[in-house]
Protein backbone atom coordinates (compact mmCIF):
# COMPACT_ATOMS: atom_id res chain seq x y z
CA UNK A 1 101.70 206.49 67.22
CA UNK A 2 98.85 208.28 65.58
CA UNK A 3 99.68 209.72 62.15
CA UNK A 4 96.21 210.04 60.72
CA UNK A 5 95.90 212.99 58.36
CA UNK A 6 99.65 213.43 57.80
CA UNK A 7 99.27 212.58 54.13
CA UNK A 8 96.55 215.21 53.77
CA UNK A 9 98.91 217.94 55.01
CA UNK A 10 101.62 216.85 52.56
CA UNK A 11 99.17 216.70 49.64
CA UNK A 12 97.68 220.08 50.53
CA UNK A 13 101.18 221.58 50.70
CA UNK A 14 102.04 220.15 47.28
CA UNK A 15 98.80 221.52 45.79
CA UNK A 16 99.50 225.00 47.20
CA UNK A 17 103.10 224.85 45.93
CA UNK A 18 101.83 223.79 42.50
CA UNK A 19 99.37 226.70 42.40
CA UNK A 20 102.04 229.23 43.40
CA UNK A 21 104.42 227.86 40.75
CA UNK A 22 101.66 227.98 38.13
CA UNK A 23 100.89 231.62 38.92
CA UNK A 24 104.62 232.45 38.83
CA UNK A 25 104.98 230.80 35.41
CA UNK A 26 101.97 232.72 34.09
CA UNK A 27 103.42 235.97 35.47
CA UNK A 28 106.77 235.35 33.79
CA UNK A 29 104.96 234.54 30.55
CA UNK A 30 103.05 237.85 30.81
CA UNK A 31 106.33 239.75 31.14
CA UNK A 32 107.86 237.87 28.19
CA UNK A 33 104.81 238.60 26.03
CA UNK A 34 104.99 242.29 27.02
CA UNK A 35 108.68 242.33 26.04
CA UNK A 36 107.86 240.84 22.65
CA UNK A 37 105.04 243.35 22.19
CA UNK A 38 107.34 246.25 23.09
CA UNK A 39 109.98 245.00 20.63
CA UNK A 40 107.46 244.56 17.82
CA UNK A 41 106.11 248.05 18.48
CA UNK A 42 109.61 249.55 18.51
CA UNK A 43 110.54 247.85 15.25
CA UNK A 44 107.31 248.94 13.57
CA UNK A 45 107.69 252.51 14.83
CA UNK A 46 111.28 252.75 13.58
CA UNK A 47 110.39 251.32 10.18
CA UNK A 48 107.46 253.72 9.86
CA UNK A 49 109.44 256.79 10.94
CA UNK A 50 112.59 256.22 8.86
CA UNK A 51 111.23 257.22 5.43
CA UNK A 52 109.25 260.11 6.92
CA UNK A 53 112.54 261.76 7.93
CA UNK A 54 113.11 262.32 4.19
CA UNK A 55 109.59 262.97 2.89
CA UNK A 56 106.09 262.43 4.22
CA UNK A 57 105.25 259.47 1.91
CA UNK A 58 101.58 259.65 2.87
CA UNK A 59 102.24 260.17 6.59
CA UNK A 60 99.94 262.60 8.35
CA UNK A 61 102.61 264.14 10.59
CA UNK A 62 106.29 264.26 11.45
CA UNK A 63 108.52 261.20 11.77
CA UNK A 64 108.12 261.25 15.56
CA UNK A 65 104.33 261.45 15.24
CA UNK A 66 104.38 258.55 12.79
CA UNK A 67 106.53 256.51 15.18
CA UNK A 68 104.15 257.27 18.06
CA UNK A 69 101.17 256.25 15.93
CA UNK A 70 102.70 252.90 14.99
CA UNK A 71 103.81 252.24 18.56
CA UNK A 72 100.27 252.91 19.81
CA UNK A 73 98.79 250.67 17.09
CA UNK A 74 100.98 247.89 18.50
CA UNK A 75 99.90 248.52 22.10
CA UNK A 76 102.96 250.43 23.28
CA UNK A 77 103.93 253.94 24.28
CA UNK A 78 106.69 255.72 22.38
CA UNK A 79 109.17 256.97 24.98
CA UNK A 80 112.00 258.20 22.75
CA UNK A 81 112.46 258.97 19.09
CA UNK A 82 115.65 260.01 17.41
CA UNK A 83 114.01 260.88 14.12
CA UNK A 84 115.82 263.87 12.63
CA UNK A 85 114.25 265.42 9.52
CA UNK A 86 116.78 265.54 6.69
CA UNK A 87 115.82 266.55 3.14
CA UNK A 88 119.21 265.41 1.77
CA UNK A 89 119.74 262.09 -0.01
CA UNK A 90 122.15 260.83 2.65
CA UNK A 91 121.53 257.58 4.44
CA UNK A 92 120.00 258.13 7.87
CA UNK A 93 119.27 256.04 10.92
CA UNK A 94 116.24 256.21 13.20
CA UNK A 95 116.17 254.91 16.77
CA UNK A 96 113.04 254.64 18.90
CA UNK A 97 112.19 253.27 22.33
CA UNK A 98 108.82 251.93 23.40
CA UNK A 99 107.30 250.81 26.66
CA UNK A 100 104.59 248.31 27.56
CA UNK A 101 103.14 247.78 31.04
CA UNK A 102 102.82 244.17 32.18
CA UNK A 103 100.64 243.34 35.17
CA UNK A 104 101.51 240.29 37.25
CA UNK A 105 99.92 238.72 40.31
CA UNK A 106 103.07 237.93 42.29
CA UNK A 107 105.50 240.57 41.03
CA UNK A 108 103.27 243.64 40.60
CA UNK A 109 103.41 245.95 37.59
CA UNK A 110 106.43 245.92 35.28
CA UNK A 111 107.36 248.51 32.69
CA UNK A 112 109.00 246.63 29.85
CA UNK A 113 110.93 248.64 27.26
CA UNK A 114 112.51 247.91 23.90
CA UNK A 115 114.53 249.76 21.29
CA UNK A 116 114.12 249.60 17.54
CA UNK A 117 116.36 250.90 14.78
CA UNK A 118 115.86 251.38 11.08
CA UNK A 119 117.95 252.78 8.26
CA UNK A 120 116.68 254.60 5.24
CA UNK A 121 118.68 255.46 2.15
CA UNK A 122 116.80 257.96 -0.05
CA UNK A 123 119.39 257.59 -2.81
CA UNK A 124 118.03 254.11 -3.45
CA UNK A 125 114.52 255.31 -4.20
CA UNK A 126 113.41 254.53 -7.73
CA UNK A 127 111.30 256.94 -9.73
CA UNK A 128 107.75 255.87 -10.52
CA UNK A 129 107.35 254.61 -14.06
């Protein structure tokens, strides 16, 4: 029986399988990194917008504009902002959603989203001394 070259086919198959698995692992890592980026952007946007619902505190726009600015600074798009202006001293909650696009070789383009929340209690503000 002639089996010359059989080992070459097996080795080539293993190399191709290894390459495909490597690309798949890199793609999954890209999606995980995009998820972490979206979450960081959502948290930053919520924390930035929360105090602006009470007063501007140096912000250049509304709470939603501040949230969008911080999301963009963190490489994400603000897709939703529940940032209601309230001049009262009641505690308030802000919720934002962000989105990051992750490009992968095997799985195409993914839109990864995250939600961030922050609370702000104006009654706890201390006067400047």
